[in-house]
């Protein structure tokens, strides 16, 4: 069973010969240890894309006619895996989710610049960066890019169906960044086999930040757990696969 923030704080205080507490707010030292645990957790979950944090999401639309093909990633998104958009046409009743294709910003601009700006279905929009982008208003989106890693820009939209691209028509999968609240009952969102390594890392950080003490035992255990987890990232795919260099099995 996963431990709460209070239980982890109590464990670390025990290792540090600190006072017994019933809440992380009982003493100044317990508050410092709890904050060290949260800081360690934030660093821990940011170091890799944990499979248990991969989930389905939607993409927020700008809902602004000046930016009809702009959409925005939510703050919790760490890495976007793919996007589908419902490209259903006017008068159709069957849902038609189509995977959007990524283009690097320079490729996207070269692609869109080939469009005829005089065409009635070509619209010129000015991005937040100040550059002009040519988009189409007579077809569902097909390609997208991003200049700032937050705003997504698609190449077109179907004005007969919507005035802007819609969040309700998106399907996406992404790795998100979980958070740990500074409260007694908060539970770190980690795989079972990562908990030990996290606690050892938190113990090492708490001892240093609170007592300015470095524990070689906790430090070595933390390194050992990190090496183990590096081989176990893909829980359902058997961990890291090493080459056999033609050896017979």
C-alpha atoms as a PDB file:
ATOM      1  CA  UNK A   1       0.000   0.000   0.000  1.00  0.00           C
ATOM      2  CA  UNK A   2       1.381   3.405  -1.005  1.00  0.00           C
ATOM      3  CA  UNK A   3       2.496   5.662   1.819  1.00  0.00           C
ATOM      4  CA  UNK A   4       1.074   9.109   2.474  1.00  0.00           C
ATOM      5  CA  UNK A   5       3.174  12.245   2.722  1.00  0.00           C
ATOM      6  CA  UNK A   6       2.773  12.138   6.511  1.00  0.00           C
ATOM      7  CA  UNK A   7       3.985   8.528   6.699  1.00  0.00           C
ATOM      8  CA  UNK A   8       7.024   9.271   4.534  1.00  0.00           C
ATOM      9  CA  UNK A   9       7.771  12.340   6.653  1.00  0.00           C
ATOM     10  CA  UNK A  10       7.556  10.219   9.809  1.00  0.00           C
ATOM     11  CA  UNK A  11       9.893   7.604   8.303  1.00  0.00           C
ATOM     12  CA  UNK A  12      12.487  10.221   7.344  1.00  0.00           C
ATOM     13  CA  UNK A  13      12.260  11.947  10.731  1.00  0.00           C
ATOM     14  CA  UNK A  14      12.897   8.567  12.354  1.00  0.00           C
ATOM     15  CA  UNK A  15      16.049   8.110  10.254  1.00  0.00           C
ATOM     16  CA  UNK A  16      17.133  11.635  11.215  1.00  0.00           C
ATOM     17  CA  UNK A  17      16.370  11.063  14.924  1.00  0.00           C
ATOM     18  CA  UNK A  18      13.770  13.815  14.732  1.00  0.00           C
ATOM     19  CA  UNK A  19      10.685  14.333  16.872  1.00  0.00           C
ATOM     20  CA  UNK A  20       7.628  12.112  16.438  1.00  0.00           C
ATOM     21  CA  UNK A  21       4.773  13.961  14.766  1.00  0.00           C
ATOM     22  CA  UNK A  22       1.110  13.348  13.978  1.00  0.00           C
ATOM     23  CA  UNK A  23       0.964  15.915  11.191  1.00  0.00           C
ATOM     24  CA  UNK A  24       3.492  17.422   8.814  1.00  0.00           C
ATOM     25  CA  UNK A  25       2.692  20.822  10.363  1.00  0.00           C
ATOM     26  CA  UNK A  26       3.453  19.768  13.949  1.00  0.00           C
ATOM     27  CA  UNK A  27       7.014  21.107  13.987  1.00  0.00           C
ATOM     28  CA  UNK A  28       9.195  23.349  11.878  1.00  0.00           C
ATOM     29  CA  UNK A  29      11.425  20.360  11.116  1.00  0.00           C
ATOM     30  CA  UNK A  30       8.512  18.173   9.948  1.00  0.00           C
ATOM     31  CA  UNK A  31       7.340  20.975   7.645  1.00  0.00           C
ATOM     32  CA  UNK A  32      10.838  21.277   6.193  1.00  0.00           C
ATOM     33  CA  UNK A  33      11.054  17.523   5.638  1.00  0.00           C
ATOM     34  CA  UNK A  34       7.613  17.453   3.986  1.00  0.00           C
ATOM     35  CA  UNK A  35       8.617  20.296   1.653  1.00  0.00           C
ATOM     36  CA  UNK A  36      11.831  18.448   0.824  1.00  0.00           C
ATOM     37  CA  UNK A  37       9.753  15.375  -0.078  1.00  0.00           C
ATOM     38  CA  UNK A  38       7.507  17.420  -2.381  1.00  0.00           C
ATOM     39  CA  UNK A  39      10.515  19.059  -4.065  1.00  0.00           C
ATOM     40  CA  UNK A  40      12.099  15.642  -4.530  1.00  0.00           C
ATOM     41  CA  UNK A  41       8.863  14.290  -5.987  1.00  0.00           C
ATOM     42  CA  UNK A  42       8.583  17.143  -8.489  1.00  0.00           C
ATOM     43  CA  UNK A  43      12.131  16.423  -9.641  1.00  0.00           C
ATOM     44  CA  UNK A  44      11.583  12.655  -9.625  1.00  0.00           C
ATOM     45  CA  UNK A  45       8.517  12.689 -11.906  1.00  0.00           C
ATOM     46  CA  UNK A  46      10.100  15.213 -14.282  1.00  0.00           C
ATOM     47  CA  UNK A  47      13.146  13.091 -15.054  1.00  0.00           C
ATOM     48  CA  UNK A  48      11.369  10.625 -17.345  1.00  0.00           C
ATOM     49  CA  UNK A  49       8.045   9.868 -19.013  1.00  0.00           C
ATOM     50  CA  UNK A  50       6.414   7.436 -16.584  1.00  0.00           C
ATOM     51  CA  UNK A  51       3.962   5.143 -18.331  1.00  0.00           C
ATOM     52  CA  UNK A  52       1.418   5.455 -15.536  1.00  0.00           C
ATOM     53  CA  UNK A  53       1.180   9.193 -16.288  1.00  0.00           C
ATOM     54  CA  UNK A  54       0.205   8.619 -19.930  1.00  0.00           C
ATOM     55  CA  UNK A  55      -3.459   9.440 -20.398  1.00  0.00           C
ATOM     56  CA  UNK A  56      -6.084  10.661 -22.805  1.00  0.00           C
ATOM     57  CA  UNK A  57      -6.594  14.430 -22.969  1.00  0.00           C
ATOM     58  CA  UNK A  58      -8.305  17.089 -25.055  1.00  0.00           C
ATOM     59  CA  UNK A  59      -6.678  20.169 -26.572  1.00  0.00           C
ATOM     60  CA  UNK A  60      -8.088  23.575 -25.699  1.00  0.00           C
ATOM     61  CA  UNK A  61      -9.332  25.696 -28.597  1.00  0.00           C
ATOM     62  CA  UNK A  62      -8.673  29.448 -28.675  1.00  0.00           C
ATOM     63  CA  UNK A  63     -12.330  30.132 -29.509  1.00  0.00           C
ATOM     64  CA  UNK A  64     -11.133  33.314 -31.213  1.00  0.00           C
ATOM     65  CA  UNK A  65     -12.044  34.055 -34.823  1.00  0.00           C
ATOM     66  CA  UNK A  66      -8.695  35.850 -35.221  1.00  0.00           C
ATOM     67  CA  UNK A  67      -6.961  32.532 -34.509  1.00  0.00           C
ATOM     68  CA  UNK A  68      -9.375  29.910 -35.888  1.00  0.00           C
ATOM     69  CA  UNK A  69      -6.741  27.158 -36.143  1.00  0.00           C
ATOM     70  CA  UNK A  70      -4.879  27.849 -32.881  1.00  0.00           C
ATOM     71  CA  UNK A  71      -5.204  25.440 -29.961  1.00  0.00           C
ATOM     72  CA  UNK A  72      -3.346  25.320 -26.630  1.00  0.00           C
ATOM     73  CA  UNK A  73      -1.787  22.533 -24.591  1.00  0.00           C
ATOM     74  CA  UNK A  74      -2.845  22.418 -20.952  1.00  0.00           C
ATOM     75  CA  UNK A  75      -0.193  23.169 -18.338  1.00  0.00           C
ATOM     76  CA  UNK A  76      -0.191  19.582 -17.030  1.00  0.00           C
ATOM     77  CA  UNK A  77       1.020  18.170 -20.359  1.00  0.00           C
ATOM     78  CA  UNK A  78       4.640  17.065 -20.311  1.00  0.00           C
ATOM     79  CA  UNK A  79       4.839  15.384 -23.706  1.00  0.00           C
ATOM     80  CA  UNK A  80       2.203  15.103 -26.423  1.00  0.00           C
ATOM     81  CA  UNK A  81       2.092  11.728 -28.158  1.00  0.00           C
ATOM     82  CA  UNK A  82      -0.527  12.249 -30.874  1.00  0.00           C
ATOM     83  CA  UNK A  83      -3.716  14.132 -31.756  1.00  0.00           C
ATOM     84  CA  UNK A  84      -6.846  13.002 -33.547  1.00  0.00           C
ATOM     85  CA  UNK A  85      -9.437  15.499 -34.797  1.00  0.00           C
ATOM     86  CA  UNK A  86     -13.016  14.808 -35.799  1.00  0.00           C
ATOM     87  CA  UNK A  87     -13.008  15.849 -39.466  1.00  0.00           C
ATOM     88  CA  UNK A  88     -16.725  15.274 -39.957  1.00  0.00           C
ATOM     89  CA  UNK A  89     -18.166  17.341 -42.812  1.00  0.00           C
ATOM     90  CA  UNK A  90     -21.347  19.393 -42.951  1.00  0.00           C
ATOM     91  CA  UNK A  91     -24.389  17.129 -43.291  1.00  0.00           C
ATOM     92  CA  UNK A  92     -22.525  13.987 -42.220  1.00  0.00           C
ATOM     93  CA  UNK A  93     -23.556  12.051 -39.129  1.00  0.00           C
ATOM     94  CA  UNK A  94     -20.712   9.565 -38.858  1.00  0.00           C
ATOM     95  CA  UNK A  95     -17.828  10.582 -36.585  1.00  0.00           C
ATOM     96  CA  UNK A  96     -14.525  10.649 -38.454  1.00  0.00           C
ATOM     97  CA  UNK A  97     -11.469  10.994 -36.212  1.00  0.00           C
ATOM     98  CA  UNK A  98      -8.307  11.543 -38.244  1.00  0.00           C
ATOM     99  CA  UNK A  99      -4.757  11.597 -36.892  1.00  0.00           C
ATOM    100  CA  UNK A 100      -3.117  14.987 -37.331  1.00  0.00           C
ATOM    101  CA  UNK A 101       0.358  15.086 -38.858  1.00  0.00           C
ATOM    102  CA  UNK A 102       3.184  17.043 -37.244  1.00  0.00           C
ATOM    103  CA  UNK A 103       5.370  19.392 -39.276  1.00  0.00           C
ATOM    104  CA  UNK A 104       8.426  21.175 -37.960  1.00  0.00           C
ATOM    105  CA  UNK A 105       7.864  24.961 -37.890  1.00  0.00           C
ATOM    106  CA  UNK A 106      10.090  25.638 -40.913  1.00  0.00           C
ATOM    107  CA  UNK A 107       8.421  22.863 -42.924  1.00  0.00           C
ATOM    108  CA  UNK A 108       4.980  24.091 -41.885  1.00  0.00           C
ATOM    109  CA  UNK A 109       5.742  27.623 -43.049  1.00  0.00           C
ATOM    110  CA  UNK A 110       7.207  26.428 -46.360  1.00  0.00           C
ATOM    111  CA  UNK A 111       4.087  24.310 -46.849  1.00  0.00           C
ATOM    112  CA  UNK A 112       1.620  27.098 -46.024  1.00  0.00           C
ATOM    113  CA  UNK A 113       3.556  29.726 -48.004  1.00  0.00           C
ATOM    114  CA  UNK A 114       2.863  27.789 -51.205  1.00  0.00           C
ATOM    115  CA  UNK A 115      -0.808  28.746 -50.889  1.00  0.00           C
ATOM    116  CA  UNK A 116      -2.305  31.487 -53.034  1.00  0.00           C
ATOM    117  CA  UNK A 117      -3.027  34.412 -50.725  1.00  0.00           C
ATOM    118  CA  UNK A 118      -5.522  35.759 -53.307  1.00  0.00           C
ATOM    119  CA  UNK A 119      -7.652  32.616 -53.157  1.00  0.00           C
ATOM    120  CA  UNK A 120     -11.038  33.173 -51.501  1.00  0.00           C
ATOM    121  CA  UNK A 121     -10.503  30.150 -49.250  1.00  0.00           C
ATOM    122  CA  UNK A 122      -7.075  31.283 -48.053  1.00  0.00           C
ATOM    123  CA  UNK A 123      -6.975  33.368 -44.884  1.00  0.00           C
ATOM    124  CA  UNK A 124      -4.030  35.334 -43.569  1.00  0.00           C
ATOM    125  CA  UNK A 125      -3.691  35.312 -39.791  1.00  0.00           C
ATOM    126  CA  UNK A 126      -1.036  36.953 -37.636  1.00  0.00           C
ATOM    127  CA  UNK A 127       0.374  34.678 -34.961  1.00  0.00           C
ATOM    128  CA  UNK A 128       1.231  35.956 -31.463  1.00  0.00           C
ATOM    129  CA  UNK A 129       4.858  35.957 -32.613  1.00  0.00           C
ATOM    130  CA  UNK A 130       3.936  38.553 -35.237  1.00  0.00           C
ATOM    131  CA  UNK A 131       4.454  36.390 -38.317  1.00  0.00           C
ATOM    132  CA  UNK A 132       1.842  35.901 -41.028  1.00  0.00           C
ATOM    133  CA  UNK A 133       0.459  32.411 -41.625  1.00  0.00           C
ATOM    134  CA  UNK A 134      -1.732  31.339 -44.535  1.00  0.00           C
ATOM    135  CA  UNK A 135      -4.473  28.893 -43.599  1.00  0.00           C
ATOM    136  CA  UNK A 136      -7.462  27.432 -45.429  1.00  0.00           C
ATOM    137  CA  UNK A 137     -11.094  27.748 -44.309  1.00  0.00           C
ATOM    138  CA  UNK A 138     -12.672  25.111 -46.563  1.00  0.00           C
ATOM    139  CA  UNK A 139     -11.223  21.847 -45.232  1.00  0.00           C
ATOM    140  CA  UNK A 140     -10.653  20.035 -41.979  1.00  0.00           C
ATOM    141  CA  UNK A 141      -7.154  20.301 -40.473  1.00  0.00           C
ATOM    142  CA  UNK A 142      -4.448  17.880 -41.571  1.00  0.00           C
ATOM    143  CA  UNK A 143      -1.123  19.263 -40.294  1.00  0.00           C
ATOM    144  CA  UNK A 144      -0.021  21.144 -37.192  1.00  0.00           C
ATOM    145  CA  UNK A 145       3.061  22.751 -35.684  1.00  0.00           C
ATOM    146  CA  UNK A 146       4.138  24.843 -32.700  1.00  0.00           C
ATOM    147  CA  UNK A 147       6.541  27.753 -32.370  1.00  0.00           C
ATOM    148  CA  UNK A 148       6.581  27.984 -28.576  1.00  0.00           C
ATOM    149  CA  UNK A 149       5.845  24.398 -27.446  1.00  0.00           C
ATOM    150  CA  UNK A 150       2.508  25.509 -25.968  1.00  0.00           C
ATOM    151  CA  UNK A 151       0.285  26.821 -28.770  1.00  0.00           C
ATOM    152  CA  UNK A 152      -0.545  24.420 -31.589  1.00  0.00           C
ATOM    153  CA  UNK A 153      -1.240  25.865 -35.035  1.00  0.00           C
ATOM    154  CA  UNK A 154      -3.178  23.806 -37.571  1.00  0.00           C
ATOM    155  CA  UNK A 155      -3.145  24.372 -41.295  1.00  0.00           C
ATOM    156  CA  UNK A 156      -6.892  24.672 -41.913  1.00  0.00           C
ATOM    157  CA  UNK A 157     -10.464  24.475 -40.622  1.00  0.00           C
ATOM    158  CA  UNK A 158     -13.850  23.895 -42.215  1.00  0.00           C
ATOM    159  CA  UNK A 159     -15.824  27.129 -41.812  1.00  0.00           C
ATOM    160  CA  UNK A 160     -19.017  25.356 -42.952  1.00  0.00           C
ATOM    161  CA  UNK A 161     -18.816  23.220 -39.797  1.00  0.00           C
ATOM    162  CA  UNK A 162     -17.233  25.479 -37.125  1.00  0.00           C
ATOM    163  CA  UNK A 163     -15.946  29.028 -36.797  1.00  0.00           C
ATOM    164  CA  UNK A 164     -12.832  27.765 -34.960  1.00  0.00           C
ATOM    165  CA  UNK A 165     -11.306  24.392 -34.116  1.00  0.00           C
ATOM    166  CA  UNK A 166     -13.148  22.783 -31.196  1.00  0.00           C
ATOM    167  CA  UNK A 167     -11.764  21.117 -28.062  1.00  0.00           C
ATOM    168  CA  UNK A 168     -14.711  18.687 -28.065  1.00  0.00           C
ATOM    169  CA  UNK A 169     -13.504  17.321 -31.410  1.00  0.00           C
ATOM    170  CA  UNK A 170     -10.002  16.435 -30.226  1.00  0.00           C
ATOM    171  CA  UNK A 171      -8.611  13.124 -29.011  1.00  0.00           C
ATOM    172  CA  UNK A 172      -5.047  13.151 -27.758  1.00  0.00           C
ATOM    173  CA  UNK A 173      -2.694  11.060 -25.667  1.00  0.00           C
ATOM    174  CA  UNK A 174       0.011  12.681 -23.578  1.00  0.00           C
ATOM    175  CA  UNK A 175       2.308  12.203 -20.623  1.00  0.00           C
ATOM    176  CA  UNK A 176       1.185  14.532 -17.856  1.00  0.00           C
ATOM    177  CA  UNK A 177       3.057  15.882 -14.839  1.00  0.00           C
ATOM    178  CA  UNK A 178       1.433  14.664 -11.594  1.00  0.00           C
ATOM    179  CA  UNK A 179       1.566  16.895  -8.519  1.00  0.00           C
ATOM    180  CA  UNK A 180       1.925  16.157  -4.805  1.00  0.00           C
ATOM    181  CA  UNK A 181      -0.044  18.363  -2.426  1.00  0.00           C
ATOM    182  CA  UNK A 182       1.570  19.504   0.807  1.00  0.00           C
ATOM    183  CA  UNK A 183      -0.970  17.723   3.010  1.00  0.00           C
ATOM    184  CA  UNK A 184      -0.900  14.779   5.417  1.00  0.00           C
ATOM    185  CA  UNK A 185      -2.940  12.382   3.284  1.00  0.00           C
ATOM    186  CA  UNK A 186      -1.412  13.202  -0.105  1.00  0.00           C
ATOM    187  CA  UNK A 187      -0.014  10.106  -1.811  1.00  0.00           C
ATOM    188  CA  UNK A 188       2.807  10.307  -4.397  1.00  0.00           C
ATOM    189  CA  UNK A 189       1.567   9.054  -7.752  1.00  0.00           C
ATOM    190  CA  UNK A 190       4.298   6.528  -8.561  1.00  0.00           C
ATOM    191  CA  UNK A 191       4.561   2.899  -9.728  1.00  0.00           C
ATOM    192  CA  UNK A 192       4.913   0.447  -6.848  1.00  0.00           C
ATOM    193  CA  UNK A 193       8.497  -0.455  -7.768  1.00  0.00           C
ATOM    194  CA  UNK A 194       9.536   3.216  -7.832  1.00  0.00           C
ATOM    195  CA  UNK A 195       8.415   4.037  -4.313  1.00  0.00           C
ATOM    196  CA  UNK A 196      11.544   2.735  -2.574  1.00  0.00           C
ATOM    197  CA  UNK A 197      13.867   4.726  -4.811  1.00  0.00           C
ATOM    198  CA  UNK A 198      11.799   7.862  -4.316  1.00  0.00           C
ATOM    199  CA  UNK A 199      11.850   7.550  -0.519  1.00  0.00           C
ATOM    200  CA  UNK A 200      15.620   7.001  -0.501  1.00  0.00           C
ATOM    201  CA  UNK A 201      16.089  10.043  -2.717  1.00  0.00           C
ATOM    202  CA  UNK A 202      13.775  12.105  -0.494  1.00  0.00           C
ATOM    203  CA  UNK A 203      15.647  10.940   2.620  1.00  0.00           C
ATOM    204  CA  UNK A 204      18.952  12.017   1.117  1.00  0.00           C
ATOM    205  CA  UNK A 205      17.595  15.427   0.077  1.00  0.00           C
ATOM    206  CA  UNK A 206      15.824  16.043   3.399  1.00  0.00           C
ATOM    207  CA  UNK A 207      18.945  15.219   5.409  1.00  0.00           C
ATOM    208  CA  UNK A 208      20.957  17.660   3.347  1.00  0.00           C
ATOM    209  CA  UNK A 209      18.422  20.495   3.168  1.00  0.00           C
ATOM    210  CA  UNK A 210      17.268  20.253   6.796  1.00  0.00           C
ATOM    211  CA  UNK A 211      20.392  19.084   8.652  1.00  0.00           C
ATOM    212  CA  UNK A 212      23.155  19.741   6.105  1.00  0.00           C
ATOM    213  CA  UNK A 213      24.050  16.073   6.531  1.00  0.00           C
ATOM    214  CA  UNK A 214      24.933  13.630   3.773  1.00  0.00           C
ATOM    215  CA  UNK A 215      24.126   9.966   4.432  1.00  0.00           C
ATOM    216  CA  UNK A 216      26.348   7.691   2.279  1.00  0.00           C
ATOM    217  CA  UNK A 217      23.997   4.730   2.822  1.00  0.00           C
ATOM    218  CA  UNK A 218      20.928   6.633   1.601  1.00  0.00           C
ATOM    219  CA  UNK A 219      22.960   8.087  -1.266  1.00  0.00           C
ATOM    220  CA  UNK A 220      24.113   4.666  -2.472  1.00  0.00           C
ATOM    221  CA  UNK A 221      20.616   3.166  -2.142  1.00  0.00           C
ATOM    222  CA  UNK A 222      19.175   6.092  -4.097  1.00  0.00           C
ATOM    223  CA  UNK A 223      21.659   5.494  -6.934  1.00  0.00           C
ATOM    224  CA  UNK A 224      20.916   1.760  -6.925  1.00  0.00           C
ATOM    225  CA  UNK A 225      17.170   2.381  -7.162  1.00  0.00           C
ATOM    226  CA  UNK A 226      17.637   4.873 -10.031  1.00  0.00           C
ATOM    227  CA  UNK A 227      19.669   2.303 -11.970  1.00  0.00           C
ATOM    228  CA  UNK A 228      16.958  -0.283 -11.382  1.00  0.00           C
ATOM    229  CA  UNK A 229      14.158   2.028 -12.504  1.00  0.00           C
ATOM    230  CA  UNK A 230      16.077   2.946 -15.668  1.00  0.00           C
ATOM    231  CA  UNK A 231      15.681  -0.711 -16.682  1.00  0.00           C
ATOM    232  CA  UNK A 232      12.023  -0.915 -15.638  1.00  0.00           C
ATOM    233  CA  UNK A 233      10.389   2.065 -17.337  1.00  0.00           C
ATOM    234  CA  UNK A 234       8.344  -0.084 -19.709  1.00  0.00           C
ATOM    235  CA  UNK A 235       6.386  -2.171 -17.229  1.00  0.00           C
ATOM    236  CA  UNK A 236       4.329  -4.012 -19.860  1.00  0.00           C
ATOM    237  CA  UNK A 237       7.165  -4.400 -22.372  1.00  0.00           C
ATOM    238  CA  UNK A 238       9.794  -6.156 -20.292  1.00  0.00           C
ATOM    239  CA  UNK A 239      12.075  -3.258 -19.435  1.00  0.00           C
ATOM    240  CA  UNK A 240      15.165  -2.337 -21.414  1.00  0.00           C
ATOM    241  CA  UNK A 241      16.019  -4.721 -24.242  1.00  0.00           C
ATOM    242  CA  UNK A 242      19.732  -5.214 -24.780  1.00  0.00           C
ATOM    243  CA  UNK A 243      21.362  -6.430 -28.046  1.00  0.00           C
ATOM    244  CA  UNK A 244      22.585 -10.031 -27.988  1.00  0.00           C
ATOM    245  CA  UNK A 245      25.299  -9.506 -30.672  1.00  0.00           C
ATOM    246  CA  UNK A 246      24.381 -12.772 -32.370  1.00  0.00           C
ATOM    247  CA  UNK A 247      24.809 -14.925 -29.267  1.00  0.00           C
ATOM    248  CA  UNK A 248      22.862 -18.179 -29.299  1.00  0.00           C
ATOM    249  CA  UNK A 249      20.204 -18.522 -26.652  1.00  0.00           C
END
